[in-house]
N, C-alpha and C. Protein backbone atom coordinates (compact mmCIF):
# COMPACT_ATOMS: atom_id res chain seq x y z
N UNK A 1 138.58 99.68 82.58
CA UNK A 1 139.75 99.00 82.04
C UNK A 1 140.17 99.68 80.74
N UNK A 2 141.46 99.94 80.60
CA UNK A 2 141.99 100.62 79.42
C UNK A 2 142.01 99.69 78.22
N UNK A 3 141.68 100.24 77.07
CA UNK A 3 141.73 99.44 75.84
C UNK A 3 142.96 99.77 75.01
N UNK A 4 143.79 100.66 75.49
CA UNK A 4 144.99 100.99 74.73
C UNK A 4 145.97 99.82 74.77
N UNK A 5 146.69 99.61 73.68
CA UNK A 5 147.69 98.55 73.71
C UNK A 5 148.83 98.94 74.64
N UNK A 6 149.54 97.97 75.20
CA UNK A 6 150.71 98.31 76.00
C UNK A 6 151.73 99.02 75.11
N UNK A 7 152.55 99.84 75.71
CA UNK A 7 153.51 100.62 74.93
C UNK A 7 154.94 100.30 75.33
N UNK A 8 155.82 100.45 74.35
CA UNK A 8 157.24 100.22 74.58
C UNK A 8 158.04 101.30 73.88
N UNK A 9 159.11 101.71 74.52
CA UNK A 9 160.04 102.67 73.94
C UNK A 9 161.38 101.97 73.80
N UNK A 10 161.92 101.98 72.59
CA UNK A 10 163.24 101.40 72.33
C UNK A 10 164.20 102.58 72.15
N UNK A 11 165.05 102.79 73.13
CA UNK A 11 166.02 103.89 73.12
C UNK A 11 167.36 103.31 72.70
N UNK A 12 168.00 103.95 71.71
CA UNK A 12 169.25 103.38 71.22
C UNK A 12 170.27 104.45 70.88
N UNK A 13 171.53 104.03 70.94
CA UNK A 13 172.66 104.81 70.45
C UNK A 13 173.21 104.06 69.25
N UNK A 14 173.54 104.77 68.19
CA UNK A 14 174.08 104.11 67.00
C UNK A 14 175.04 105.03 66.29
N UNK A 15 176.20 104.53 65.95
CA UNK A 15 177.19 105.33 65.23
C UNK A 15 177.17 105.02 63.73
N UNK A 16 177.00 103.76 63.35
CA UNK A 16 177.08 103.35 61.95
C UNK A 16 175.80 102.67 61.46
N UNK A 17 174.69 102.90 62.12
CA UNK A 17 173.36 102.39 61.77
C UNK A 17 173.11 100.92 62.10
N UNK A 18 174.09 100.19 62.58
CA UNK A 18 173.84 98.79 62.93
C UNK A 18 172.90 98.68 64.13
N UNK A 19 173.12 99.51 65.14
CA UNK A 19 172.23 99.48 66.31
C UNK A 19 170.88 100.10 65.97
N UNK A 20 170.85 101.06 65.04
CA UNK A 20 169.57 101.60 64.57
C UNK A 20 168.73 100.49 63.96
N UNK A 21 169.33 99.73 63.05
CA UNK A 21 168.60 98.63 62.40
C UNK A 21 168.14 97.60 63.42
N UNK A 22 169.00 97.31 64.38
CA UNK A 22 168.65 96.34 65.42
C UNK A 22 167.50 96.86 66.27
N UNK A 23 167.55 98.12 66.66
CA UNK A 23 166.47 98.72 67.47
C UNK A 23 165.14 98.70 66.72
N UNK A 24 165.18 99.00 65.44
CA UNK A 24 163.96 98.97 64.64
C UNK A 24 163.40 97.55 64.53
N UNK A 25 164.29 96.55 64.43
CA UNK A 25 163.85 95.16 64.40
C UNK A 25 163.24 94.76 65.74
N UNK A 26 163.85 95.18 66.84
CA UNK A 26 163.28 94.90 68.17
C UNK A 26 161.90 95.53 68.28
N UNK A 27 161.75 96.77 67.82
CA UNK A 27 160.44 97.44 67.86
C UNK A 27 159.41 96.69 67.02
N UNK A 28 159.82 96.19 65.85
CA UNK A 28 158.89 95.39 65.02
C UNK A 28 158.44 94.15 65.78
N UNK A 29 159.37 93.49 66.45
CA UNK A 29 159.02 92.31 67.24
C UNK A 29 158.07 92.64 68.37
N UNK A 30 158.31 93.76 69.03
CA UNK A 30 157.40 94.20 70.10
C UNK A 30 156.01 94.47 69.54
N UNK A 31 155.94 95.08 68.36
CA UNK A 31 154.63 95.32 67.74
C UNK A 31 153.94 94.00 67.39
N UNK A 32 154.71 93.02 66.94
CA UNK A 32 154.14 91.69 66.66
C UNK A 32 153.57 91.06 67.93
N UNK A 33 154.15 91.39 69.08
CA UNK A 33 153.65 90.87 70.36
C UNK A 33 152.44 91.64 70.87
N UNK A 34 152.10 92.75 70.21
CA UNK A 34 150.92 93.52 70.61
C UNK A 34 151.20 94.88 71.21
N UNK A 35 152.44 95.31 71.19
CA UNK A 35 152.81 96.61 71.76
C UNK A 35 152.70 97.72 70.72
N UNK A 36 152.41 98.91 71.19
CA UNK A 36 152.66 100.12 70.40
C UNK A 36 154.11 100.47 70.72
N UNK A 37 155.00 100.22 69.79
CA UNK A 37 156.44 100.35 70.06
C UNK A 37 157.08 101.33 69.09
N UNK A 38 157.99 102.14 69.62
CA UNK A 38 158.70 103.13 68.83
C UNK A 38 160.18 103.07 69.18
N UNK A 39 161.03 103.13 68.16
CA UNK A 39 162.48 103.20 68.35
C UNK A 39 162.91 104.66 68.21
N UNK A 40 163.66 105.15 69.19
CA UNK A 40 164.06 106.56 69.23
C UNK A 40 165.54 106.65 69.57
N UNK A 41 166.31 107.41 68.76
CA UNK A 41 167.73 107.57 69.10
C UNK A 41 167.90 108.37 70.39
N UNK A 42 168.91 108.01 71.15
CA UNK A 42 169.16 108.66 72.43
C UNK A 42 169.40 110.16 72.23
N UNK A 43 169.94 110.54 71.09
CA UNK A 43 170.20 111.96 70.82
C UNK A 43 168.89 112.75 70.73
N UNK A 44 167.79 112.12 70.39
CA UNK A 44 166.48 112.79 70.33
C UNK A 44 165.80 112.83 71.68
N UNK A 45 166.12 111.89 72.55
CA UNK A 45 165.43 111.79 73.84
C UNK A 45 166.03 112.65 74.93
N UNK A 46 167.22 113.12 74.72
CA UNK A 46 167.94 113.83 75.78
C UNK A 46 167.18 115.03 76.33
N UNK A 47 166.38 115.68 75.49
CA UNK A 47 165.73 116.91 75.94
C UNK A 47 164.22 116.76 76.13
N UNK A 48 163.69 115.56 76.09
CA UNK A 48 162.25 115.39 76.24
C UNK A 48 161.86 115.22 77.70
N UNK A 49 160.61 115.44 77.98
CA UNK A 49 160.08 115.27 79.33
C UNK A 49 159.68 113.83 79.58
N UNK A 50 158.88 113.60 80.61
CA UNK A 50 158.44 112.25 80.97
C UNK A 50 157.66 111.57 79.84
N UNK A 51 157.82 110.26 79.76
CA UNK A 51 157.13 109.42 78.78
C UNK A 51 156.53 108.27 79.56
N UNK A 52 155.28 107.93 79.30
CA UNK A 52 154.61 106.84 80.02
C UNK A 52 154.55 105.60 79.14
N UNK A 53 155.37 104.58 79.47
CA UNK A 53 155.40 103.33 78.71
C UNK A 53 155.30 102.15 79.67
N UNK A 54 155.04 100.98 79.10
CA UNK A 54 154.97 99.75 79.90
C UNK A 54 156.28 98.98 79.90
N UNK A 55 157.13 99.26 78.90
CA UNK A 55 158.41 98.56 78.77
C UNK A 55 159.42 99.50 78.14
N UNK A 56 160.62 99.50 78.69
CA UNK A 56 161.72 100.26 78.15
C UNK A 56 162.76 99.27 77.64
N UNK A 57 163.15 99.41 76.37
CA UNK A 57 164.22 98.60 75.79
C UNK A 57 165.34 99.55 75.41
N UNK A 58 166.57 99.21 75.75
CA UNK A 58 167.69 100.08 75.41
C UNK A 58 168.77 99.29 74.72
N UNK A 59 169.45 99.95 73.77
CA UNK A 59 170.51 99.28 73.03
C UNK A 59 171.61 100.24 72.63
N UNK A 60 172.82 99.70 72.51
CA UNK A 60 173.98 100.52 72.15
C UNK A 60 175.05 99.64 71.53
N UNK A 61 175.96 100.25 70.78
CA UNK A 61 177.11 99.49 70.29
C UNK A 61 178.12 99.29 71.42
N UNK A 62 178.81 98.19 71.38
CA UNK A 62 179.87 97.95 72.37
C UNK A 62 181.14 98.66 71.90
N UNK A 63 181.66 99.53 72.74
CA UNK A 63 182.92 100.25 72.48
C UNK A 63 183.90 99.83 73.56
N UNK A 64 184.93 99.09 73.21
CA UNK A 64 185.94 98.71 74.20
C UNK A 64 185.35 97.94 75.36
N UNK A 65 184.46 96.99 75.08
CA UNK A 65 183.84 96.10 76.07
C UNK A 65 182.85 96.80 77.00
N UNK A 66 182.36 97.98 76.63
CA UNK A 66 181.44 98.71 77.49
C UNK A 66 180.61 99.68 76.65
N UNK A 67 179.86 100.54 77.32
CA UNK A 67 179.14 101.61 76.64
C UNK A 67 180.14 102.64 76.12
N UNK A 68 179.72 103.38 75.10
CA UNK A 68 180.61 104.40 74.55
C UNK A 68 180.88 105.49 75.57
N UNK A 69 181.99 106.15 75.36
CA UNK A 69 182.34 107.36 76.09
C UNK A 69 182.59 108.45 75.05
N UNK A 70 182.70 109.67 75.48
CA UNK A 70 182.92 110.78 74.55
C UNK A 70 184.09 110.48 73.61
N UNK A 71 185.18 109.95 74.15
CA UNK A 71 186.37 109.68 73.34
C UNK A 71 186.11 108.60 72.29
N UNK A 72 185.40 107.55 72.67
CA UNK A 72 185.15 106.47 71.69
C UNK A 72 184.15 106.92 70.62
N UNK A 73 183.22 107.81 70.98
CA UNK A 73 182.31 108.36 69.97
C UNK A 73 183.07 109.28 69.02
N UNK A 74 184.03 110.05 69.55
CA UNK A 74 184.86 110.90 68.69
C UNK A 74 185.67 110.05 67.72
N UNK A 75 186.16 108.92 68.19
CA UNK A 75 186.90 108.00 67.31
C UNK A 75 185.98 107.44 66.22
N UNK A 76 184.74 107.14 66.56
CA UNK A 76 183.78 106.66 65.56
C UNK A 76 183.53 107.73 64.50
N UNK A 77 183.48 108.99 64.90
CA UNK A 77 183.32 110.09 63.94
C UNK A 77 184.53 110.13 63.01
N UNK A 78 185.74 109.95 63.56
CA UNK A 78 186.94 109.92 62.71
C UNK A 78 186.89 108.77 61.71
N UNK A 79 186.16 107.70 62.07
CA UNK A 79 186.02 106.55 61.17
C UNK A 79 184.83 106.68 60.23
N UNK A 80 184.13 107.81 60.28
CA UNK A 80 183.06 108.05 59.31
C UNK A 80 181.66 108.20 59.86
N UNK A 81 181.46 108.07 61.15
CA UNK A 81 180.12 108.26 61.73
C UNK A 81 179.76 109.75 61.68
N UNK A 82 178.47 110.04 61.62
CA UNK A 82 178.02 111.43 61.61
C UNK A 82 178.31 112.11 62.93
N UNK A 83 178.83 113.35 62.89
CA UNK A 83 179.15 114.07 64.13
C UNK A 83 177.96 114.25 65.06
N UNK A 84 176.75 114.37 64.51
CA UNK A 84 175.56 114.54 65.34
C UNK A 84 175.31 113.33 66.23
N UNK A 85 175.81 112.18 65.84
CA UNK A 85 175.61 110.96 66.63
C UNK A 85 176.51 110.90 67.86
N UNK A 86 177.51 111.74 67.91
CA UNK A 86 178.47 111.71 69.01
C UNK A 86 178.10 112.65 70.15
N UNK A 87 177.03 113.41 69.98
CA UNK A 87 176.66 114.42 70.97
C UNK A 87 176.37 113.83 72.34
N UNK A 88 175.63 112.75 72.37
CA UNK A 88 175.26 112.12 73.64
C UNK A 88 175.22 110.61 73.42
N UNK A 89 175.67 109.88 74.41
CA UNK A 89 175.63 108.43 74.33
C UNK A 89 174.66 107.86 75.35
N UNK A 90 174.43 106.57 75.26
CA UNK A 90 173.50 105.92 76.17
C UNK A 90 173.94 106.06 77.63
N UNK A 91 175.25 106.00 77.86
CA UNK A 91 175.77 106.16 79.22
C UNK A 91 175.33 107.51 79.81
N UNK A 92 175.40 108.57 79.00
CA UNK A 92 174.99 109.90 79.45
C UNK A 92 173.49 109.94 79.75
N UNK A 93 172.70 109.32 78.88
CA UNK A 93 171.25 109.28 79.05
C UNK A 93 170.89 108.50 80.32
N UNK A 94 171.58 107.38 80.56
CA UNK A 94 171.30 106.57 81.76
C UNK A 94 171.49 107.40 83.03
N UNK A 95 172.51 108.25 83.04
CA UNK A 95 172.79 109.06 84.23
C UNK A 95 171.62 109.97 84.60
N UNK A 96 170.73 110.24 83.65
CA UNK A 96 169.57 111.11 83.89
C UNK A 96 168.25 110.35 83.96
N UNK A 97 168.28 109.04 83.85
CA UNK A 97 167.05 108.25 83.72
C UNK A 97 166.62 107.62 85.04
N UNK A 98 165.34 107.73 85.31
CA UNK A 98 164.72 107.10 86.47
C UNK A 98 163.42 106.45 86.02
N UNK A 99 163.01 105.35 86.65
CA UNK A 99 161.76 104.70 86.26
C UNK A 99 160.57 105.66 86.26
N UNK A 100 160.53 106.60 87.19
CA UNK A 100 159.40 107.52 87.28
C UNK A 100 159.25 108.36 86.01
N UNK A 101 160.34 108.64 85.33
CA UNK A 101 160.30 109.44 84.10
C UNK A 101 159.64 108.67 82.96
N UNK A 102 159.66 107.35 83.04
CA UNK A 102 159.13 106.52 81.95
C UNK A 102 157.87 105.75 82.34
N UNK A 103 157.45 105.85 83.59
CA UNK A 103 156.22 105.20 84.01
C UNK A 103 156.36 103.70 84.20
N UNK A 104 157.58 103.19 84.15
CA UNK A 104 157.81 101.75 84.32
C UNK A 104 159.20 101.50 84.86
N UNK A 105 159.36 100.34 85.51
CA UNK A 105 160.70 99.90 85.88
C UNK A 105 161.10 98.69 85.03
N UNK A 106 160.22 98.26 84.10
CA UNK A 106 160.49 97.08 83.27
C UNK A 106 161.49 97.43 82.18
N UNK A 107 162.52 96.59 82.06
CA UNK A 107 163.65 96.90 81.19
C UNK A 107 164.16 95.65 80.48
N UNK A 108 164.52 95.80 79.21
CA UNK A 108 165.31 94.81 78.48
C UNK A 108 166.44 95.58 77.80
N UNK A 109 167.59 94.91 77.61
CA UNK A 109 168.78 95.57 77.10
C UNK A 109 169.44 94.71 76.03
N UNK A 110 169.94 95.38 74.98
CA UNK A 110 170.67 94.69 73.91
C UNK A 110 171.85 95.55 73.47
N UNK A 111 172.77 94.92 72.75
CA UNK A 111 173.86 95.68 72.15
C UNK A 111 174.22 95.08 70.80
N UNK A 112 175.08 95.80 70.08
CA UNK A 112 175.72 95.25 68.90
C UNK A 112 177.20 95.14 69.23
N UNK A 113 177.83 94.11 68.65
CA UNK A 113 179.23 93.84 68.96
C UNK A 113 179.88 93.11 67.79
N UNK A 114 181.19 93.20 67.73
CA UNK A 114 181.93 92.50 66.68
C UNK A 114 181.69 91.00 66.83
N UNK A 115 181.32 90.34 65.74
CA UNK A 115 180.91 88.94 65.78
C UNK A 115 181.97 87.96 66.22
N UNK A 116 183.24 88.26 65.97
CA UNK A 116 184.27 87.29 66.34
C UNK A 116 184.44 87.17 67.86
N UNK A 117 183.85 88.10 68.62
CA UNK A 117 183.88 88.03 70.08
C UNK A 117 182.45 88.06 70.61
N UNK A 118 181.63 87.13 70.17
CA UNK A 118 180.19 87.11 70.47
C UNK A 118 179.90 87.02 71.97
N UNK A 119 180.66 86.24 72.71
CA UNK A 119 180.41 86.05 74.14
C UNK A 119 181.43 86.86 74.95
N UNK A 120 181.11 88.12 75.14
CA UNK A 120 182.00 89.02 75.86
C UNK A 120 181.75 88.95 77.36
N UNK A 121 182.82 88.96 78.16
CA UNK A 121 182.62 89.01 79.61
C UNK A 121 182.00 90.35 80.02
N UNK A 122 182.34 91.41 79.29
CA UNK A 122 181.76 92.74 79.50
C UNK A 122 181.31 93.26 78.15
N UNK A 123 180.23 94.02 78.15
CA UNK A 123 179.69 94.55 76.90
C UNK A 123 178.84 95.78 77.20
N UNK A 124 178.43 96.47 76.15
CA UNK A 124 177.56 97.63 76.33
C UNK A 124 176.27 97.23 77.03
N UNK A 125 175.68 96.11 76.63
CA UNK A 125 174.40 95.68 77.22
C UNK A 125 174.56 95.35 78.70
N UNK A 126 175.61 94.65 79.05
CA UNK A 126 175.80 94.31 80.47
C UNK A 126 176.04 95.56 81.32
N UNK A 127 176.83 96.48 80.78
CA UNK A 127 177.07 97.73 81.50
C UNK A 127 175.78 98.53 81.65
N UNK A 128 175.02 98.65 80.57
CA UNK A 128 173.75 99.40 80.63
C UNK A 128 172.80 98.76 81.63
N UNK A 129 172.70 97.43 81.61
CA UNK A 129 171.81 96.74 82.54
C UNK A 129 172.21 97.03 83.99
N UNK A 130 173.50 96.97 84.27
CA UNK A 130 173.98 97.22 85.63
C UNK A 130 173.69 98.66 86.06
N UNK A 131 173.98 99.62 85.19
CA UNK A 131 173.76 101.03 85.53
C UNK A 131 172.28 101.35 85.69
N UNK A 132 171.44 100.80 84.81
CA UNK A 132 170.00 101.05 84.91
C UNK A 132 169.39 100.37 86.13
N UNK A 133 169.90 99.20 86.48
CA UNK A 133 169.44 98.52 87.71
C UNK A 133 169.72 99.41 88.92
N UNK A 134 170.90 100.01 88.95
CA UNK A 134 171.25 100.91 90.06
C UNK A 134 170.32 102.12 90.12
N UNK A 135 169.74 102.49 88.98
CA UNK A 135 168.83 103.65 88.92
C UNK A 135 167.40 103.25 89.20
N UNK A 136 167.15 101.95 89.48
CA UNK A 136 165.82 101.51 89.88
C UNK A 136 165.05 100.70 88.86
N UNK A 137 165.66 100.42 87.71
CA UNK A 137 164.97 99.60 86.70
C UNK A 137 165.14 98.12 87.01
N UNK A 138 164.22 97.32 86.51
CA UNK A 138 164.20 95.87 86.76
C UNK A 138 164.33 95.14 85.43
N UNK A 139 165.37 94.37 85.29
CA UNK A 139 165.66 93.63 84.07
C UNK A 139 164.72 92.43 83.94
N UNK A 140 163.97 92.36 82.82
CA UNK A 140 163.06 91.24 82.60
C UNK A 140 163.75 90.02 82.02
N UNK A 141 164.80 90.23 81.24
CA UNK A 141 165.56 89.16 80.61
C UNK A 141 167.03 89.53 80.63
N UNK A 142 167.90 88.54 80.50
CA UNK A 142 169.33 88.80 80.43
C UNK A 142 169.63 89.65 79.19
N UNK A 143 170.64 90.51 79.28
CA UNK A 143 171.04 91.30 78.10
C UNK A 143 171.45 90.37 76.95
N UNK A 144 171.25 90.85 75.74
CA UNK A 144 171.56 90.06 74.56
C UNK A 144 172.38 90.90 73.58
N UNK A 145 173.27 90.23 72.83
CA UNK A 145 174.10 90.91 71.85
C UNK A 145 173.80 90.43 70.44
N UNK A 146 173.92 91.36 69.48
CA UNK A 146 173.72 91.05 68.07
C UNK A 146 175.02 91.37 67.34
N UNK A 147 175.44 90.47 66.45
CA UNK A 147 176.78 90.52 65.87
C UNK A 147 176.86 91.33 64.58
N UNK A 148 177.93 92.12 64.50
CA UNK A 148 178.31 92.81 63.27
C UNK A 148 179.63 92.22 62.79
N UNK A 149 179.90 92.33 61.49
CA UNK A 149 181.14 91.77 60.94
C UNK A 149 182.37 92.59 61.29
N UNK A 150 182.24 93.91 61.22
CA UNK A 150 183.36 94.81 61.50
C UNK A 150 182.82 96.02 62.27
N UNK A 151 183.69 96.92 62.66
CA UNK A 151 183.28 98.10 63.42
C UNK A 151 182.14 98.83 62.72
N UNK A 152 182.26 99.05 61.42
CA UNK A 152 181.23 99.77 60.67
C UNK A 152 180.10 98.87 60.21
N UNK A 153 180.19 97.58 60.48
CA UNK A 153 179.15 96.64 60.05
C UNK A 153 179.56 95.96 58.78
N UNK A 154 178.63 95.30 58.19
CA UNK A 154 177.20 95.25 58.46
C UNK A 154 176.87 94.23 59.55
N UNK A 155 175.59 94.20 59.92
CA UNK A 155 175.12 93.15 60.81
C UNK A 155 175.30 91.81 60.13
N UNK A 156 175.59 90.81 60.88
CA UNK A 156 175.73 89.46 60.31
C UNK A 156 174.38 88.96 59.82
N UNK A 157 174.44 88.07 58.85
CA UNK A 157 173.22 87.46 58.31
C UNK A 157 172.39 86.85 59.43
N UNK A 158 171.11 87.11 59.39
CA UNK A 158 170.19 86.53 60.36
C UNK A 158 170.01 87.33 61.63
N UNK A 159 170.85 88.33 61.87
CA UNK A 159 170.77 89.07 63.14
C UNK A 159 169.51 89.94 63.23
N UNK A 160 169.08 90.53 62.12
CA UNK A 160 167.86 91.34 62.19
C UNK A 160 166.64 90.48 62.50
N UNK A 161 166.58 89.30 61.90
CA UNK A 161 165.47 88.37 62.20
C UNK A 161 165.54 87.94 63.66
N UNK A 162 166.76 87.69 64.14
CA UNK A 162 166.93 87.30 65.55
C UNK A 162 166.50 88.43 66.48
N UNK A 163 166.83 89.68 66.12
CA UNK A 163 166.43 90.83 66.94
C UNK A 163 164.92 90.98 66.95
N UNK A 164 164.28 90.79 65.81
CA UNK A 164 162.82 90.88 65.76
C UNK A 164 162.18 89.78 66.61
N UNK A 165 162.71 88.57 66.51
CA UNK A 165 162.18 87.47 67.32
C UNK A 165 162.41 87.72 68.81
N UNK A 166 163.55 88.29 69.15
CA UNK A 166 163.82 88.61 70.55
C UNK A 166 162.83 89.66 71.04
N UNK A 167 162.57 90.68 70.22
CA UNK A 167 161.58 91.69 70.58
C UNK A 167 160.21 91.09 70.83
N UNK A 168 159.82 90.17 69.97
CA UNK A 168 158.52 89.49 70.13
C UNK A 168 158.51 88.68 71.42
N UNK A 169 159.60 87.97 71.70
CA UNK A 169 159.69 87.13 72.89
C UNK A 169 159.65 87.97 74.17
N UNK A 170 160.42 89.06 74.23
CA UNK A 170 160.40 89.87 75.45
C UNK A 170 159.07 90.61 75.57
N UNK A 171 158.47 90.96 74.44
CA UNK A 171 157.15 91.57 74.47
C UNK A 171 156.11 90.63 75.04
N UNK A 172 156.14 89.38 74.60
CA UNK A 172 155.20 88.38 75.12
C UNK A 172 155.39 88.16 76.61
N UNK A 173 156.65 88.11 77.06
CA UNK A 173 156.92 87.93 78.49
C UNK A 173 156.41 89.13 79.29
N UNK A 174 156.58 90.31 78.75
CA UNK A 174 156.10 91.52 79.44
C UNK A 174 154.58 91.55 79.48
N UNK A 175 153.93 91.14 78.38
CA UNK A 175 152.46 91.09 78.37
C UNK A 175 151.94 90.14 79.44
N UNK A 176 152.61 89.01 79.59
CA UNK A 176 152.22 88.05 80.63
C UNK A 176 152.33 88.68 82.01
N UNK A 177 153.43 89.40 82.24
CA UNK A 177 153.61 90.07 83.53
C UNK A 177 152.55 91.15 83.74
N UNK A 178 152.24 91.90 82.69
CA UNK A 178 151.23 92.95 82.80
C UNK A 178 149.85 92.37 83.11
N UNK A 179 149.52 91.23 82.49
CA UNK A 179 148.20 90.62 82.74
C UNK A 179 148.11 90.05 84.15
N UNK A 180 149.23 89.54 84.67
CA UNK A 180 149.24 89.04 86.05
C UNK A 180 149.09 90.18 87.05
N UNK A 181 149.61 91.35 86.70
CA UNK A 181 149.54 92.50 87.60
C UNK A 181 148.17 93.18 87.58
N UNK A 182 147.40 92.91 86.52
CA UNK A 182 146.09 93.58 86.37
C UNK A 182 145.05 93.03 87.34
């Protein structure tokens, strides 16, 4: 029996650091649940080989009610985002992702979105969940959104604590599933 802690990879796209902060909070929550968890920007993961984890968490900002596209990332750069952040988006990464590359089909998804439209019929998280499901991943929980005040942020008060608690909650649920499978 392995004594290594379960592992989680939090893959995120972020233009103005709001999703970065959220991903790091989710990773902290996963660590509180007992995971070895790391948050990695999608721009860093594009060229890596297979990674063996027990849980994959993905997050992105909502651009026009969906995941970013090249054009919306270019617009974010015009609004002050770093050009290096526009190279690849989560949508592009999803097109290359399969459960076999990550050693798991377990998935949770989150996004950041403008707070005045908290309950979106379509969002980055819902789109990512649908696309990843088509690629063979299995969603453990419904996608969740975290609110920012404006396009550039900041995150609304309490959202980082909520993201950390969500990470802990999904981590605990995944641990339960892992123990049942053992």
